[in-house]
Amino acid sequence: MANQAVWFDIPTLDLDRAIRFYSAVLGVAVRKEEFPGMAIGVFPHEGADVGGCLHRSETDRPSDHGPLLYLNCKGRLDDAIAAVTANGGKILKPKHAIGPYGFRAVVLDSEGNRVALHSD
């Protein structure tokens, strides 16, 4: 079955700061791509994997309300949580079990977006 989600955009106020935050928290290189008149930070993905980016826009703003995006921390949830405050974020709900679906922590990123960090 194909993923229902195919792409996500996370709004930023400071693209470089957000790239540093997500690279540190997720333990992956978020790659900056520049185009005429715009730049984005692209999360690693391949082929049909769900992908996404960080972006700055005059109309899209970070939010601590609305849909909750779960980001895969691949068995390194404790390290990811530790990197949140060190990189300008805030822990809203510490690590907790979510039944048979593993564990999560809910955080605010460096830009003010509410996201969940997840691991089995």
C-alpha atoms as a PDB file:
ATOM      1  CA  MET A   1       0.000   0.000   0.000  1.00  0.00           C
ATOM      2  CA  ALA A   2       1.305   3.449  -0.843  1.00  0.00           C
ATOM      3  CA  ASN A   3       1.819   5.987   1.923  1.00  0.00           C
ATOM      4  CA  GLN A   4      -1.091   8.367   2.326  1.00  0.00           C
ATOM      5  CA  ALA A   5       1.350  11.177   3.109  1.00  0.00           C
ATOM      6  CA  VAL A   6       3.738  11.942   0.245  1.00  0.00           C
ATOM      7  CA  TRP A   7       5.461  15.221   1.226  1.00  0.00           C
ATOM      8  CA  PHE A   8       5.497  17.761   4.034  1.00  0.00           C
ATOM      9  CA  ASP A   9       6.585  21.389   4.348  1.00  0.00           C
ATOM     10  CA  ILE A  10       7.674  22.746   7.731  1.00  0.00           C
ATOM     11  CA  PRO A  11       7.617  26.555   7.851  1.00  0.00           C
ATOM     12  CA  THR A  12      10.574  28.419   9.334  1.00  0.00           C
ATOM     13  CA  LEU A  13      11.489  31.927  10.355  1.00  0.00           C
ATOM     14  CA  ASP A  14      15.234  31.248   9.977  1.00  0.00           C
ATOM     15  CA  LEU A  15      16.011  28.480   7.481  1.00  0.00           C
ATOM     16  CA  ASP A  16      19.650  27.969   8.502  1.00  0.00           C
ATOM     17  CA  ARG A  17      18.729  27.739  12.201  1.00  0.00           C
ATOM     18  CA  ALA A  18      15.983  25.205  11.407  1.00  0.00           C
ATOM     19  CA  ILE A  19      18.393  23.137   9.281  1.00  0.00           C
ATOM     20  CA  ARG A  20      20.845  23.028  12.217  1.00  0.00           C
ATOM     21  CA  PHE A  21      18.030  22.069  14.630  1.00  0.00           C
ATOM     22  CA  TYR A  22      16.628  19.188  12.571  1.00  0.00           C
ATOM     23  CA  SER A  23      20.064  17.897  11.546  1.00  0.00           C
ATOM     24  CA  ALA A  24      21.095  17.721  15.225  1.00  0.00           C
ATOM     25  CA  VAL A  25      17.820  16.329  16.570  1.00  0.00           C
ATOM     26  CA  LEU A  26      17.272  13.712  13.856  1.00  0.00           C
ATOM     27  CA  GLY A  27      20.947  12.826  13.453  1.00  0.00           C
ATOM     28  CA  VAL A  28      20.790  13.260   9.672  1.00  0.00           C
ATOM     29  CA  ALA A  29      22.003  15.887   7.240  1.00  0.00           C
ATOM     30  CA  VAL A  30      19.177  18.184   6.184  1.00  0.00           C
ATOM     31  CA  ARG A  31      20.448  19.477   2.832  1.00  0.00           C
ATOM     32  CA  LYS A  32      20.065  23.112   1.832  1.00  0.00           C
ATOM     33  CA  GLU A  33      19.001  23.593  -1.781  1.00  0.00           C
ATOM     34  CA  GLU A  34      18.924  27.026  -3.369  1.00  0.00           C
ATOM     35  CA  PHE A  35      16.897  28.115  -6.377  1.00  0.00           C
ATOM     36  CA  PRO A  36      16.326  31.549  -7.904  1.00  0.00           C
ATOM     37  CA  GLY A  37      14.383  33.501  -5.302  1.00  0.00           C
ATOM     38  CA  MET A  38      14.095  30.686  -2.737  1.00  0.00           C
ATOM     39  CA  ALA A  39      15.915  28.136  -0.615  1.00  0.00           C
ATOM     40  CA  ILE A  40      14.703  25.004   1.193  1.00  0.00           C
ATOM     41  CA  GLY A  41      16.137  22.426   3.574  1.00  0.00           C
ATOM     42  CA  VAL A  42      15.421  18.911   2.265  1.00  0.00           C
ATOM     43  CA  PHE A  43      15.060  15.935   4.604  1.00  0.00           C
ATOM     44  CA  PRO A  44      16.817  12.758   3.395  1.00  0.00           C
ATOM     45  CA  HIS A  45      14.584  10.454   1.371  1.00  0.00           C
ATOM     46  CA  GLU A  46      14.900   8.098  -1.583  1.00  0.00           C
ATOM     47  CA  GLY A  47      12.602   6.916  -4.349  1.00  0.00           C
ATOM     48  CA  ALA A  48       9.014   6.568  -3.159  1.00  0.00           C
ATOM     49  CA  ASP A  49       9.884   7.372   0.477  1.00  0.00           C
ATOM     50  CA  VAL A  50       7.891  10.177   2.063  1.00  0.00           C
ATOM     51  CA  GLY A  51       9.954  13.350   1.852  1.00  0.00           C
ATOM     52  CA  GLY A  52       9.733  16.864   3.118  1.00  0.00           C
ATOM     53  CA  CYS A  53      11.447  20.172   3.515  1.00  0.00           C
ATOM     54  CA  LEU A  54      11.925  23.243   5.642  1.00  0.00           C
ATOM     55  CA  HIS A  55      10.976  26.493   3.962  1.00  0.00           C
ATOM     56  CA  ARG A  56      10.591  30.205   4.624  1.00  0.00           C
ATOM     57  CA  SER A  57       7.581  32.026   3.265  1.00  0.00           C
ATOM     58  CA  GLU A  58       5.758  35.321   3.629  1.00  0.00           C
ATOM     59  CA  THR A  59       2.458  33.475   4.123  1.00  0.00           C
ATOM     60  CA  ASP A  60       3.308  30.235   5.999  1.00  0.00           C
ATOM     61  CA  ARG A  61       4.228  30.605   9.671  1.00  0.00           C
ATOM     62  CA  PRO A  62       5.380  28.115  12.312  1.00  0.00           C
ATOM     63  CA  SER A  63       2.580  26.880  14.593  1.00  0.00           C
ATOM     64  CA  ASP A  64       2.157  25.008  17.839  1.00  0.00           C
ATOM     65  CA  HIS A  65      -1.398  24.041  16.817  1.00  0.00           C
ATOM     66  CA  GLY A  66      -2.755  21.974  13.964  1.00  0.00           C
ATOM     67  CA  PRO A  67      -1.631  18.627  12.557  1.00  0.00           C
ATOM     68  CA  LEU A  68       1.078  16.800  14.497  1.00  0.00           C
ATOM     69  CA  LEU A  69       3.892  15.509  12.295  1.00  0.00           C
ATOM     70  CA  TYR A  70       5.728  12.424  13.645  1.00  0.00           C
ATOM     71  CA  LEU A  71       9.420  12.288  12.765  1.00  0.00           C
ATOM     72  CA  ASN A  72      11.298   8.982  12.867  1.00  0.00           C
ATOM     73  CA  CYS A  73      14.199   8.979  15.305  1.00  0.00           C
ATOM     74  CA  LYS A  74      15.239   5.412  14.335  1.00  0.00           C
ATOM     75  CA  GLY A  75      16.012   3.983  17.794  1.00  0.00           C
ATOM     76  CA  ARG A  76      17.781   7.151  18.990  1.00  0.00           C
ATOM     77  CA  LEU A  77      14.852   8.896  20.661  1.00  0.00           C
ATOM     78  CA  ASP A  78      16.753   9.703  23.877  1.00  0.00           C
ATOM     79  CA  ASP A  79      19.557  11.361  21.901  1.00  0.00           C
ATOM     80  CA  ALA A  80      17.020  13.286  19.809  1.00  0.00           C
ATOM     81  CA  ILE A  81      15.222  14.568  22.909  1.00  0.00           C
ATOM     82  CA  ALA A  82      18.527  15.634  24.463  1.00  0.00           C
ATOM     83  CA  ALA A  83      19.344  17.652  21.328  1.00  0.00           C
ATOM     84  CA  VAL A  84      16.062  19.594  21.382  1.00  0.00           C
ATOM     85  CA  THR A  85      16.821  22.177  24.074  1.00  0.00           C
ATOM     86  CA  ALA A  86      20.507  22.322  23.139  1.00  0.00           C
ATOM     87  CA  ASN A  87      19.423  23.496  19.675  1.00  0.00           C
ATOM     88  CA  GLY A  88      16.811  26.072  20.592  1.00  0.00           C
ATOM     89  CA  GLY A  89      13.707  23.906  20.984  1.00  0.00           C
ATOM     90  CA  LYS A  90      11.442  23.079  23.915  1.00  0.00           C
ATOM     91  CA  ILE A  91      10.074  19.778  25.207  1.00  0.00           C
ATOM     92  CA  LEU A  92       6.282  19.960  25.551  1.00  0.00           C
ATOM     93  CA  LYS A  93       5.637  16.305  26.512  1.00  0.00           C
ATOM     94  CA  PRO A  94       8.580  14.150  27.580  1.00  0.00           C
ATOM     95  CA  LYS A  95       9.117  10.641  26.224  1.00  0.00           C
ATOM     96  CA  HIS A  96       6.116   8.414  26.826  1.00  0.00           C
ATOM     97  CA  ALA A  97       4.686   5.144  25.522  1.00  0.00           C
ATOM     98  CA  ILE A  98       1.968   5.232  22.884  1.00  0.00           C
ATOM     99  CA  GLY A  99       0.647   1.699  23.313  1.00  0.00           C
ATOM    100  CA  PRO A 100       1.910  -0.848  20.794  1.00  0.00           C
ATOM    101  CA  TYR A 101       3.198   1.973  18.543  1.00  0.00           C
ATOM    102  CA  GLY A 102       6.381   2.698  20.479  1.00  0.00           C
ATOM    103  CA  PHE A 103       7.372   5.942  22.157  1.00  0.00           C
ATOM    104  CA  ARG A 104       7.171   9.620  21.411  1.00  0.00           C
ATOM    105  CA  ALA A 105       8.054  13.020  22.785  1.00  0.00           C
ATOM    106  CA  VAL A 106       6.243  16.164  21.658  1.00  0.00           C
ATOM    107  CA  VAL A 107       8.484  19.188  21.165  1.00  0.00           C
ATOM    108  CA  LEU A 108       8.570  22.695  19.778  1.00  0.00           C
ATOM    109  CA  ASP A 109      11.295  23.085  17.173  1.00  0.00           C
ATOM    110  CA  SER A 110      13.609  26.093  16.982  1.00  0.00           C
ATOM    111  CA  GLU A 111      10.974  27.913  14.913  1.00  0.00           C
ATOM    112  CA  GLY A 112       7.908  27.278  17.102  1.00  0.00           C
ATOM    113  CA  ASN A 113       6.426  24.271  15.265  1.00  0.00           C
ATOM    114  CA  ARG A 114       4.972  21.443  17.378  1.00  0.00           C
ATOM    115  CA  VAL A 115       6.297  18.053  16.171  1.00  0.00           C
ATOM    116  CA  ALA A 116       6.494  14.539  17.624  1.00  0.00           C
ATOM    117  CA  LEU A 117       9.763  12.614  17.813  1.00  0.00           C
ATOM    118  CA  HIS A 118       9.011   8.881  17.469  1.00  0.00           C
ATOM    119  CA  SER A 119      10.775   5.546  17.869  1.00  0.00           C
ATOM    120  CA  ASP A 120       9.775   1.901  18.356  1.00  0.00           C
END
